[in-house]
Amino acid sequence: MSKWRKLGTWLVLVIALVVFLAAIFVVGSTIGRMYVLGSIELSIPQIGIICAGITSVSVFVRCVKKLKSRSELAHT
């Protein structure tokens, strides 16, 4: 695996983690607002962030698998 490709994979891994944390924050604030107001209201950007957070989990897993397989190939 080339140096730039490995760096790109790590960068995507970090971005996926940040997006997931943003989705966790949106869900947490929505739950808190629901507790206070008694109703749930999601805007379109909030729905997009939650969907991106769900997608980021699969991207994160794919990047980890890619780095693991490349690491195993380098050791053999």
Protein backbone atom coordinates (compact mmCIF):
# COMPACT_ATOMS: atom_id res chain seq x y z
CA MET A 1 0.00 0.00 0.00
CA SER A 2 1.49 3.30 -1.04
CA LYS A 3 2.13 6.05 1.47
CA TRP A 4 -0.51 8.36 -0.06
CA ARG A 5 -3.14 5.64 -0.21
CA LYS A 6 -2.56 4.73 3.43
CA LEU A 7 -2.74 8.41 4.39
CA GLY A 8 -6.00 8.78 2.44
CA THR A 9 -7.51 5.76 4.17
CA TRP A 10 -6.58 7.17 7.57
CA LEU A 11 -8.06 10.53 6.60
CA VAL A 12 -11.37 8.93 5.58
CA LEU A 13 -11.31 6.97 8.84
CA VAL A 14 -10.96 10.17 10.88
CA ILE A 15 -13.66 11.97 8.88
CA ALA A 16 -16.05 9.03 9.39
CA LEU A 17 -15.39 9.19 13.13
CA VAL A 18 -16.08 12.94 13.23
CA VAL A 19 -19.33 12.53 11.28
CA PHE A 20 -20.41 9.76 13.64
CA LEU A 21 -19.71 11.97 16.65
CA ALA A 22 -21.74 14.79 15.06
CA ALA A 23 -24.65 12.39 14.57
CA ILE A 24 -24.39 11.29 18.20
CA PHE A 25 -24.50 14.96 19.26
CA VAL A 26 -27.61 15.62 17.12
CA VAL A 27 -29.40 12.56 18.47
CA GLY A 28 -28.48 13.49 22.04
CA SER A 29 -29.67 17.07 21.70
CA THR A 30 -32.88 15.88 20.04
CA ILE A 31 -33.55 13.48 22.89
CA GLY A 32 -32.88 16.25 25.40
CA ARG A 33 -35.23 18.60 23.57
CA MET A 34 -37.85 15.86 23.41
CA TYR A 35 -37.57 15.36 27.16
CA VAL A 36 -38.05 19.10 27.83
CA LEU A 37 -40.71 19.88 25.22
CA GLY A 38 -42.48 16.55 25.05
CA SER A 39 -42.36 16.48 21.25
CA ILE A 40 -39.79 15.71 18.62
CA GLU A 41 -38.95 18.05 15.76
CA LEU A 42 -36.19 17.25 13.30
CA SER A 43 -35.05 19.61 10.57
CA ILE A 44 -33.84 18.36 7.22
CA PRO A 45 -30.15 19.04 8.09
CA GLN A 46 -30.54 17.07 11.33
CA ILE A 47 -32.02 14.13 9.44
CA GLY A 48 -29.11 14.36 6.97
CA ILE A 49 -26.55 14.34 9.78
CA ILE A 50 -28.19 11.30 11.38
CA CYS A 51 -28.22 9.44 8.04
CA ALA A 52 -24.58 10.41 7.44
CA GLY A 53 -23.73 9.09 10.91
CA ILE A 54 -25.29 5.75 10.09
CA THR A 55 -23.40 5.61 6.80
CA SER A 56 -20.16 6.61 8.50
CA VAL A 57 -20.25 3.43 10.58
CA SER A 58 -20.00 1.28 7.45
CA VAL A 59 -17.27 3.52 6.00
CA PHE A 60 -15.34 3.28 9.29
CA VAL A 61 -15.58 -0.52 9.31
CA ARG A 62 -14.53 -0.72 5.66
CA CYS A 63 -11.47 1.46 6.28
CA VAL A 64 -10.44 -0.56 9.31
CA LYS A 65 -10.74 -3.79 7.30
CA LYS A 66 -8.73 -2.28 4.46
CA LEU A 67 -5.94 -1.15 6.79
CA LYS A 68 -5.94 -4.52 8.54
CA SER A 69 -5.72 -6.51 5.31
CA ARG A 70 -2.94 -4.26 3.99
CA SER A 71 -1.08 -4.69 7.27
CA GLU A 72 -1.38 -8.47 7.08
CA LEU A 73 -0.14 -8.46 3.48
CA ALA A 74 2.89 -6.40 4.46
CA HIS A 75 3.86 -8.88 7.17
CA THR A 76 3.72 -11.96 4.92
